[in-house]
Amino acid sequence: MILDAKVFEKVSKALGDPYRLKIIEKIQKNGDFVPCTSILDLCGLSQSTVSHHIKQLVDANLLVAVKEGRNVKYILNKESFGNYIDFLNKFQQ
């Protein structure tokens, strides 16, 4: 899938926050699904603030959320990251 300018902007905004980058790094290092509680422990922020950051990442299609009962776990959407990188690479040509 090729990104259009509007989607590129949304992804860029989602990646423009240091806490969101921390969340992405944590999930990437884990290599698998990460429960929301682990993300809360990492950030040291309130639950509502972490939820806001995660929502931004999910809305930008950078994270995939899977609900297990009352809990949610997250994994990177590698395809979306690849599309984002492909969009950026157009400018190196």
PDB file of N, CA and C in Angstrom:
ATOM      1  N   MET A   1       0.838  -1.187   0.000  1.00  0.00           N
ATOM      2  CA  MET A   1       0.000   0.000   0.000  1.00  0.00           C
ATOM      3  C   MET A   1       0.878   1.244   0.000  1.00  0.00           C
ATOM      4  N   ILE A   2       0.558   2.185  -0.834  1.00  0.00           N
ATOM      5  CA  ILE A   2       1.312   3.433  -0.915  1.00  0.00           C
ATOM      6  C   ILE A   2       0.594   4.483  -0.087  1.00  0.00           C
ATOM      7  N   LEU A   3       1.373   5.220   0.695  1.00  0.00           N
ATOM      8  CA  LEU A   3       0.791   6.272   1.527  1.00  0.00           C
ATOM      9  C   LEU A   3       0.495   7.507   0.698  1.00  0.00           C
ATOM     10  N   ASP A   4      -0.598   8.168   1.025  1.00  0.00           N
ATOM     11  CA  ASP A   4      -0.827   9.480   0.443  1.00  0.00           C
ATOM     12  C   ASP A   4      -0.328  10.520   1.443  1.00  0.00           C
ATOM     13  N   ALA A   5      -0.317  11.773   1.041  1.00  0.00           N
ATOM     14  CA  ALA A   5       0.249  12.839   1.868  1.00  0.00           C
ATOM     15  C   ALA A   5      -0.492  12.985   3.199  1.00  0.00           C
ATOM     16  N   LYS A   6      -1.787  12.785   3.189  1.00  0.00           N
ATOM     17  CA  LYS A   6      -2.575  12.945   4.415  1.00  0.00           C
ATOM     18  C   LYS A   6      -2.228  11.862   5.441  1.00  0.00           C
ATOM     19  N   VAL A   7      -2.111  10.621   4.978  1.00  0.00           N
ATOM     20  CA  VAL A   7      -1.745   9.523   5.880  1.00  0.00           C
ATOM     21  C   VAL A   7      -0.314   9.711   6.369  1.00  0.00           C
ATOM     22  N   PHE A   8       0.577  10.140   5.464  1.00  0.00           N
ATOM     23  CA  PHE A   8       1.962  10.399   5.849  1.00  0.00           C
ATOM     24  C   PHE A   8       2.023  11.435   6.974  1.00  0.00           C
ATOM     25  N   GLU A   9       1.236  12.486   6.846  1.00  0.00           N
ATOM     26  CA  GLU A   9       1.198  13.532   7.869  1.00  0.00           C
ATOM     27  C   GLU A   9       0.711  12.980   9.210  1.00  0.00           C
ATOM     28  N   LYS A  10      -0.318  12.155   9.182  1.00  0.00           N
ATOM     29  CA  LYS A  10      -0.863  11.571  10.414  1.00  0.00           C
ATOM     30  C   LYS A  10       0.174  10.692  11.106  1.00  0.00           C
ATOM     31  N   VAL A  11       0.875   9.887  10.324  1.00  0.00           N
ATOM     32  CA  VAL A  11       1.908   9.015  10.884  1.00  0.00           C
ATOM     33  C   VAL A  11       3.046   9.864  11.451  1.00  0.00           C
ATOM     34  N   SER A  12       3.451  10.885  10.723  1.00  0.00           N
ATOM     35  CA  SER A  12       4.532  11.760  11.183  1.00  0.00           C
ATOM     36  C   SER A  12       4.184  12.435  12.505  1.00  0.00           C
ATOM     37  N   LYS A  13       2.955  12.888  12.627  1.00  0.00           N
ATOM     38  CA  LYS A  13       2.518  13.508  13.880  1.00  0.00           C
ATOM     39  C   LYS A  13       2.523  12.500  15.020  1.00  0.00           C
ATOM     40  N   ALA A  14       2.095  11.289  14.728  1.00  0.00           N
ATOM     41  CA  ALA A  14       2.087  10.251  15.766  1.00  0.00           C
ATOM     42  C   ALA A  14       3.503   9.928  16.225  1.00  0.00           C
ATOM     43  N   LEU A  15       4.453   9.986  15.310  1.00  0.00           N
ATOM     44  CA  LEU A  15       5.841   9.682  15.649  1.00  0.00           C
ATOM     45  C   LEU A  15       6.583  10.879  16.243  1.00  0.00           C
ATOM     46  N   GLY A  16       5.935  12.019  16.280  1.00  0.00           N
ATOM     47  CA  GLY A  16       6.582  13.248  16.711  1.00  0.00           C
ATOM     48  C   GLY A  16       6.599  13.483  18.212  1.00  0.00           C
ATOM     49  N   ASP A  17       6.337  12.472  18.995  1.00  0.00           N
ATOM     50  CA  ASP A  17       6.313  12.622  20.449  1.00  0.00           C
ATOM     51  C   ASP A  17       7.296  11.633  21.067  1.00  0.00           C
ATOM     52  N   PRO A  18       8.156  12.095  21.984  1.00  0.00           N
ATOM     53  CA  PRO A  18       9.162  11.191  22.563  1.00  0.00           C
ATOM     54  C   PRO A  18       8.570  10.014  23.330  1.00  0.00           C
ATOM     55  N   TYR A  19       7.430  10.200  23.974  1.00  0.00           N
ATOM     56  CA  TYR A  19       6.808   9.083  24.694  1.00  0.00           C
ATOM     57  C   TYR A  19       6.278   8.033  23.721  1.00  0.00           C
ATOM     58  N   ARG A  20       5.757   8.475  22.605  1.00  0.00           N
ATOM     59  CA  ARG A  20       5.271   7.527  21.603  1.00  0.00           C
ATOM     60  C   ARG A  20       6.430   6.738  21.007  1.00  0.00           C
ATOM     61  N   LEU A  21       7.547   7.416  20.803  1.00  0.00           N
ATOM     62  CA  LEU A  21       8.729   6.705  20.313  1.00  0.00           C
ATOM     63  C   LEU A  21       9.215   5.678  21.330  1.00  0.00           C
ATOM     64  N   LYS A  22       9.144   6.027  22.607  1.00  0.00           N
ATOM     65  CA  LYS A  22       9.502   5.072  23.668  1.00  0.00           C
ATOM     66  C   LYS A  22       8.600   3.842  23.623  1.00  0.00           C
ATOM     67  N   ILE A  23       7.328   4.082  23.438  1.00  0.00           N
ATOM     68  CA  ILE A  23       6.356   2.982  23.362  1.00  0.00           C
ATOM     69  C   ILE A  23       6.690   2.079  22.177  1.00  0.00           C
ATOM     70  N   ILE A  24       6.963   2.679  21.043  1.00  0.00           N
ATOM     71  CA  ILE A  24       7.295   1.902  19.846  1.00  0.00           C
ATOM     72  C   ILE A  24       8.574   1.102  20.068  1.00  0.00           C
ATOM     73  N   GLU A  25       9.581   1.733  20.655  1.00  0.00           N
ATOM     74  CA  GLU A  25      10.846   1.035  20.925  1.00  0.00           C
ATOM     75  C   GLU A  25      10.639  -0.152  21.857  1.00  0.00           C
ATOM     76  N   LYS A  26       9.829   0.031  22.882  1.00  0.00           N
ATOM     77  CA  LYS A  26       9.555  -1.051  23.837  1.00  0.00           C
ATOM     78  C   LYS A  26       8.901  -2.232  23.116  1.00  0.00           C
ATOM     79  N   ILE A  27       7.926  -1.947  22.301  1.00  0.00           N
ATOM     80  CA  ILE A  27       7.223  -3.012  21.600  1.00  0.00           C
ATOM     81  C   ILE A  27       8.149  -3.681  20.586  1.00  0.00           C
ATOM     82  N   GLN A  28       8.955  -2.883  19.893  1.00  0.00           N
ATOM     83  CA  GLN A  28       9.877  -3.433  18.892  1.00  0.00           C
ATOM     84  C   GLN A  28      10.917  -4.340  19.556  1.00  0.00           C
ATOM     85  N   LYS A  29      11.463  -3.915  20.686  1.00  0.00           N
ATOM     86  CA  LYS A  29      12.460  -4.721  21.397  1.00  0.00           C
ATOM     87  C   LYS A  29      11.867  -6.026  21.894  1.00  0.00           C
ATOM     88  N   ASN A  30      10.622  -5.987  22.284  1.00  0.00           N
ATOM     89  CA  ASN A  30       9.954  -7.190  22.768  1.00  0.00           C
ATOM     90  C   ASN A  30       9.742  -8.191  21.628  1.00  0.00           C
ATOM     91  N   GLY A  31       9.469  -7.671  20.436  1.00  0.00           N
ATOM     92  CA  GLY A  31       9.307  -8.520  19.265  1.00  0.00           C
ATOM     93  C   GLY A  31       7.982  -9.246  19.189  1.00  0.00           C
ATOM     94  N   ASP A  32       7.134  -9.041  20.145  1.00  0.00           N
ATOM     95  CA  ASP A  32       5.845  -9.724  20.185  1.00  0.00           C
ATOM     96  C   ASP A  32       4.832  -8.769  20.792  1.00  0.00           C
ATOM     97  N   PHE A  33       3.680  -9.284  21.092  1.00  0.00           N
ATOM     98  CA  PHE A  33       2.643  -8.474  21.714  1.00  0.00           C
ATOM     99  C   PHE A  33       3.080  -8.013  23.101  1.00  0.00           C
ATOM    100  N   VAL A  34       2.792  -6.762  23.403  1.00  0.00           N
ATOM    101  CA  VAL A  34       3.126  -6.179  24.701  1.00  0.00           C
ATOM    102  C   VAL A  34       1.831  -5.739  25.372  1.00  0.00           C
ATOM    103  N   PRO A  35       1.603  -6.203  26.605  1.00  0.00           N
ATOM    104  CA  PRO A  35       0.386  -5.782  27.296  1.00  0.00           C
ATOM    105  C   PRO A  35       0.449  -4.302  27.688  1.00  0.00           C
ATOM    106  N   CYS A  36      -0.696  -3.704  27.773  1.00  0.00           N
ATOM    107  CA  CYS A  36      -0.791  -2.286  28.124  1.00  0.00           C
ATOM    108  C   CYS A  36      -0.121  -1.995  29.469  1.00  0.00           C
ATOM    109  N   THR A  37      -0.221  -2.912  30.413  1.00  0.00           N
ATOM    110  CA  THR A  37       0.378  -2.694  31.731  1.00  0.00           C
ATOM    111  C   THR A  37       1.887  -2.527  31.633  1.00  0.00           C
ATOM    112  N   SER A  38       2.537  -3.249  30.734  1.00  0.00           N
ATOM    113  CA  SER A  38       3.988  -3.101  30.547  1.00  0.00           C
ATOM    114  C   SER A  38       4.328  -1.729  29.983  1.00  0.00           C
ATOM    115  N   ILE A  39       3.482  -1.230  29.116  1.00  0.00           N
ATOM    116  CA  ILE A  39       3.701   0.103  28.546  1.00  0.00           C
ATOM    117  C   ILE A  39       3.533   1.161  29.623  1.00  0.00           C
ATOM    118  N   LEU A  40       2.552   0.976  30.491  1.00  0.00           N
ATOM    119  CA  LEU A  40       2.344   1.907  31.605  1.00  0.00           C
ATOM    120  C   LEU A  40       3.581   1.966  32.488  1.00  0.00           C
ATOM    121  N   ASP A  41       4.151   0.816  32.809  1.00  0.00           N
ATOM    122  CA  ASP A  41       5.335   0.761  33.659  1.00  0.00           C
ATOM    123  C   ASP A  41       6.518   1.476  33.013  1.00  0.00           C
ATOM    124  N   LEU A  42       6.652   1.367  31.721  1.00  0.00           N
ATOM    125  CA  LEU A  42       7.764   1.960  30.984  1.00  0.00           C
ATOM    126  C   LEU A  42       7.732   3.480  31.018  1.00  0.00           C
ATOM    127  N   CYS A  43       6.562   4.046  30.824  1.00  0.00           N
ATOM    128  CA  CYS A  43       6.443   5.488  30.620  1.00  0.00           C
ATOM    129  C   CYS A  43       6.457   6.307  31.896  1.00  0.00           C
ATOM    130  N   GLY A  44       5.936   5.761  32.962  1.00  0.00           N
ATOM    131  CA  GLY A  44       5.835   6.540  34.181  1.00  0.00           C
ATOM    132  C   GLY A  44       4.813   7.660  34.091  1.00  0.00           C
ATOM    133  N   LEU A  45       3.852   7.503  33.206  1.00  0.00           N
ATOM    134  CA  LEU A  45       2.793   8.492  33.027  1.00  0.00           C
ATOM    135  C   LEU A  45       1.482   7.921  33.547  1.00  0.00           C
ATOM    136  N   SER A  46       0.494   8.772  33.656  1.00  0.00           N
ATOM    137  CA  SER A  46      -0.822   8.303  34.095  1.00  0.00           C
ATOM    138  C   SER A  46      -1.420   7.392  33.034  1.00  0.00           C
ATOM    139  N   GLN A  47      -2.341   6.568  33.475  1.00  0.00           N
ATOM    140  CA  GLN A  47      -2.997   5.619  32.568  1.00  0.00           C
ATOM    141  C   GLN A  47      -3.699   6.352  31.429  1.00  0.00           C
ATOM    142  N   SER A  48      -4.346   7.467  31.744  1.00  0.00           N
ATOM    143  CA  SER A  48      -5.085   8.193  30.707  1.00  0.00           C
ATOM    144  C   SER A  48      -4.134   8.809  29.670  1.00  0.00           C
ATOM    145  N   THR A  49      -2.977   9.271  30.113  1.00  0.00           N
ATOM    146  CA  THR A  49      -2.002   9.846  29.183  1.00  0.00           C
ATOM    147  C   THR A  49      -1.419   8.768  28.278  1.00  0.00           C
ATOM    148  N   VAL A  50      -1.087   7.616  28.845  1.00  0.00           N
ATOM    149  CA  VAL A  50      -0.571   6.506  28.048  1.00  0.00           C
ATOM    150  C   VAL A  50      -1.636   6.048  27.060  1.00  0.00           C
ATOM    151  N   SER A  51      -2.877   5.973  27.492  1.00  0.00           N
ATOM    152  CA  SER A  51      -3.973   5.593  26.593  1.00  0.00           C
ATOM    153  C   SER A  51      -4.087   6.555  25.423  1.00  0.00           C
ATOM    154  N   HIS A  52      -3.915   7.838  25.691  1.00  0.00           N
ATOM    155  CA  HIS A  52      -3.959   8.846  24.636  1.00  0.00           C
ATOM    156  C   HIS A  52      -2.844   8.598  23.617  1.00  0.00           C
ATOM    157  N   HIS A  53      -1.623   8.365  24.102  1.00  0.00           N
ATOM    158  CA  HIS A  53      -0.497   8.117  23.201  1.00  0.00           C
ATOM    159  C   HIS A  53      -0.714   6.850  22.377  1.00  0.00           C
ATOM    160  N   ILE A  54      -1.182   5.808  23.028  1.00  0.00           N
ATOM    161  CA  ILE A  54      -1.431   4.553  22.319  1.00  0.00           C
ATOM    162  C   ILE A  54      -2.522   4.746  21.268  1.00  0.00           C
ATOM    163  N   LYS A  55      -3.563   5.493  21.610  1.00  0.00           N
ATOM    164  CA  LYS A  55      -4.646   5.749  20.651  1.00  0.00           C
ATOM    165  C   LYS A  55      -4.112   6.456  19.408  1.00  0.00           C
ATOM    166  N   GLN A  56      -3.219   7.408  19.607  1.00  0.00           N
ATOM    167  CA  GLN A  56      -2.630   8.109  18.469  1.00  0.00           C
ATOM    168  C   GLN A  56      -1.859   7.147  17.569  1.00  0.00           C
ATOM    169  N   LEU A  57      -1.128   6.226  18.182  1.00  0.00           N
ATOM    170  CA  LEU A  57      -0.351   5.247  17.416  1.00  0.00           C
ATOM    171  C   LEU A  57      -1.246   4.239  16.702  1.00  0.00           C
ATOM    172  N   VAL A  58      -2.322   3.837  17.358  1.00  0.00           N
ATOM    173  CA  VAL A  58      -3.272   2.909  16.726  1.00  0.00           C
ATOM    174  C   VAL A  58      -4.012   3.617  15.591  1.00  0.00           C
ATOM    175  N   ASP A  59      -4.443   4.852  15.822  1.00  0.00           N
ATOM    176  CA  ASP A  59      -5.154   5.611  14.782  1.00  0.00           C
ATOM    177  C   ASP A  59      -4.274   5.856  13.549  1.00  0.00           C
ATOM    178  N   ALA A  60      -2.961   5.965  13.766  1.00  0.00           N
ATOM    179  CA  ALA A  60      -2.027   6.151  12.657  1.00  0.00           C
ATOM    180  C   ALA A  60      -1.652   4.810  12.021  1.00  0.00           C
ATOM    181  N   ASN A  61      -2.240   3.745  12.525  1.00  0.00           N
ATOM    182  CA  ASN A  61      -2.034   2.392  12.012  1.00  0.00           C
ATOM    183  C   ASN A  61      -0.604   1.889  12.239  1.00  0.00           C
ATOM    184  N   LEU A  62       0.058   2.414  13.274  1.00  0.00           N
ATOM    185  CA  LEU A  62       1.414   1.976  13.604  1.00  0.00           C
ATOM    186  C   LEU A  62       1.401   0.827  14.602  1.00  0.00           C
ATOM    187  N   LEU A  63       0.352   0.737  15.395  1.00  0.00           N
ATOM    188  CA  LEU A  63       0.185  -0.361  16.340  1.00  0.00           C
ATOM    189  C   LEU A  63      -1.103  -1.104  16.028  1.00  0.00           C
ATOM    190  N   VAL A  64      -1.071  -2.400  16.297  1.00  0.00           N
ATOM    191  CA  VAL A  64      -2.266  -3.227  16.185  1.00  0.00           C
ATOM    192  C   VAL A  64      -2.645  -3.630  17.601  1.00  0.00           C
ATOM    193  N   ALA A  65      -3.896  -3.405  17.969  1.00  0.00           N
ATOM    194  CA  ALA A  65      -4.398  -3.742  19.298  1.00  0.00           C
ATOM    195  C   ALA A  65      -5.196  -5.039  19.229  1.00  0.00           C
ATOM    196  N   VAL A  66      -4.926  -5.917  20.183  1.00  0.00           N
ATOM    197  CA  VAL A  66      -5.665  -7.172  20.287  1.00  0.00           C
ATOM    198  C   VAL A  66      -6.216  -7.257  21.702  1.00  0.00           C
ATOM    199  N   LYS A  67      -7.516  -7.402  21.786  1.00  0.00           N
ATOM    200  CA  LYS A  67      -8.170  -7.449  23.093  1.00  0.00           C
ATOM    201  C   LYS A  67      -8.262  -8.892  23.568  1.00  0.00           C
ATOM    202  N   GLU A  68      -7.882  -9.108  24.826  1.00  0.00           N
ATOM    203  CA  GLU A  68      -7.992 -10.416  25.475  1.00  0.00           C
ATOM    204  C   GLU A  68      -8.783 -10.218  26.759  1.00  0.00           C
ATOM    205  N   GLY A  69     -10.058 -10.465  26.701  1.00  0.00           N
ATOM    206  CA  GLY A  69     -10.897 -10.215  27.867  1.00  0.00           C
ATOM    207  C   GLY A  69     -10.936  -8.729  28.160  1.00  0.00           C
ATOM    208  N   ARG A  70     -10.488  -8.365  29.360  1.00  0.00           N
ATOM    209  CA  ARG A  70     -10.461  -6.949  29.747  1.00  0.00           C
ATOM    210  C   ARG A  70      -9.126  -6.286  29.425  1.00  0.00           C
ATOM    211  N   ASN A  71      -8.168  -7.074  28.972  1.00  0.00           N
ATOM    212  CA  ASN A  71      -6.828  -6.555  28.693  1.00  0.00           C
ATOM    213  C   ASN A  71      -6.608  -6.370  27.201  1.00  0.00           C
ATOM    214  N   VAL A  72      -5.699  -5.461  26.893  1.00  0.00           N
ATOM    215  CA  VAL A  72      -5.329  -5.206  25.501  1.00  0.00           C
ATOM    216  C   VAL A  72      -3.816  -5.334  25.392  1.00  0.00           C
ATOM    217  N   LYS A  73      -3.375  -5.939  24.290  1.00  0.00           N
ATOM    218  CA  LYS A  73      -1.951  -6.016  24.027  1.00  0.00           C
ATOM    219  C   LYS A  73      -1.701  -5.459  22.633  1.00  0.00           C
ATOM    220  N   TYR A  74      -0.470  -5.020  22.398  1.00  0.00           N
ATOM    221  CA  TYR A  74      -0.146  -4.296  21.180  1.00  0.00           C
ATOM    222  C   TYR A  74       1.074  -4.894  20.497  1.00  0.00           C
ATOM    223  N   ILE A  75       1.096  -4.780  19.177  1.00  0.00           N
ATOM    224  CA  ILE A  75       2.231  -5.196  18.365  1.00  0.00           C
ATOM    225  C   ILE A  75       2.407  -4.158  17.261  1.00  0.00           C
ATOM    226  N   LEU A  76       3.643  -4.010  16.778  1.00  0.00           N
ATOM    227  CA  LEU A  76       3.898  -3.069  15.702  1.00  0.00           C
ATOM    228  C   LEU A  76       3.255  -3.545  14.404  1.00  0.00           C
ATOM    229  N   ASN A  77       2.768  -2.595  13.643  1.00  0.00           N
ATOM    230  CA  ASN A  77       2.272  -2.880  12.299  1.00  0.00           C
ATOM    231  C   ASN A  77       3.446  -2.627  11.346  1.00  0.00           C
ATOM    232  N   LYS A  78       4.231  -3.659  11.117  1.00  0.00           N
ATOM    233  CA  LYS A  78       5.456  -3.522  10.328  1.00  0.00           C
ATOM    234  C   LYS A  78       5.165  -3.091   8.892  1.00  0.00           C
ATOM    235  N   GLU A  79       4.031  -3.496   8.376  1.00  0.00           N
ATOM    236  CA  GLU A  79       3.670  -3.081   7.020  1.00  0.00           C
ATOM    237  C   GLU A  79       3.517  -1.557   6.940  1.00  0.00           C
ATOM    238  N   SER A  80       2.878  -0.963   7.939  1.00  0.00           N
ATOM    239  CA  SER A  80       2.708   0.498   7.951  1.00  0.00           C
ATOM    240  C   SER A  80       4.047   1.214   8.072  1.00  0.00           C
ATOM    241  N   PHE A  81       4.933   0.677   8.915  1.00  0.00           N
ATOM    242  CA  PHE A  81       6.266   1.276   9.018  1.00  0.00           C
ATOM    243  C   PHE A  81       7.003   1.176   7.691  1.00  0.00           C
ATOM    244  N   GLY A  82       6.873   0.042   7.014  1.00  0.00           N
ATOM    245  CA  GLY A  82       7.505  -0.124   5.711  1.00  0.00           C
ATOM    246  C   GLY A  82       6.970   0.856   4.683  1.00  0.00           C
ATOM    247  N   ASN A  83       5.667   1.065   4.688  1.00  0.00           N
ATOM    248  CA  ASN A  83       5.050   2.032   3.767  1.00  0.00           C
ATOM    249  C   ASN A  83       5.544   3.443   4.042  1.00  0.00           C
ATOM    250  N   TYR A  84       5.695   3.768   5.324  1.00  0.00           N
ATOM    251  CA  TYR A  84       6.185   5.093   5.718  1.00  0.00           C
ATOM    252  C   TYR A  84       7.620   5.294   5.215  1.00  0.00           C
ATOM    253  N   ILE A  85       8.435   4.283   5.400  1.00  0.00           N
ATOM    254  CA  ILE A  85       9.832   4.350   4.950  1.00  0.00           C
ATOM    255  C   ILE A  85       9.895   4.459   3.430  1.00  0.00           C
ATOM    256  N   ASP A  86       9.070   3.698   2.743  1.00  0.00           N
ATOM    257  CA  ASP A  86       9.026   3.774   1.278  1.00  0.00           C
ATOM    258  C   ASP A  86       8.659   5.183   0.809  1.00  0.00           C
ATOM    259  N   PHE A  87       7.720   5.804   1.496  1.00  0.00           N
ATOM    260  CA  PHE A  87       7.315   7.176   1.150  1.00  0.00           C
ATOM    261  C   PHE A  87       8.505   8.121   1.308  1.00  0.00           C
ATOM    262  N   LEU A  88       9.239   7.986   2.414  1.00  0.00           N
ATOM    263  CA  LEU A  88      10.407   8.834   2.654  1.00  0.00           C
ATOM    264  C   LEU A  88      11.507   8.587   1.635  1.00  0.00           C
ATOM    265  N   ASN A  89      11.696   7.339   1.263  1.00  0.00           N
ATOM    266  CA  ASN A  89      12.759   6.989   0.323  1.00  0.00           C
ATOM    267  C   ASN A  89      12.561   7.627  -1.050  1.00  0.00           C
ATOM    268  N   LYS A  90      11.335   7.993  -1.376  1.00  0.00           N
ATOM    269  CA  LYS A  90      11.092   8.660  -2.665  1.00  0.00           C
ATOM    270  C   LYS A  90      11.897   9.948  -2.785  1.00  0.00           C
ATOM    271  N   PHE A  91      12.214  10.565  -1.653  1.00  0.00           N
ATOM    272  CA  PHE A  91      12.900  11.847  -1.675  1.00  0.00           C
ATOM    273  C   PHE A  91      14.420  11.712  -1.824  1.00  0.00           C
ATOM    274  N   GLN A  92      14.911  10.481  -1.768  1.00  0.00           N
ATOM    275  CA  GLN A  92      16.353  10.275  -1.949  1.00  0.00           C
ATOM    276  C   GLN A  92      16.713  10.048  -3.406  1.00  0.00           C
ATOM    277  N   GLN A  93      15.761   9.897  -4.239  1.00  0.00           N
ATOM    278  CA  GLN A  93      16.036   9.582  -5.644  1.00  0.00           C
ATOM    279  C   GLN A  93      16.350  10.819  -6.444  1.00  0.00           C
TER     280      GLN A  93
END
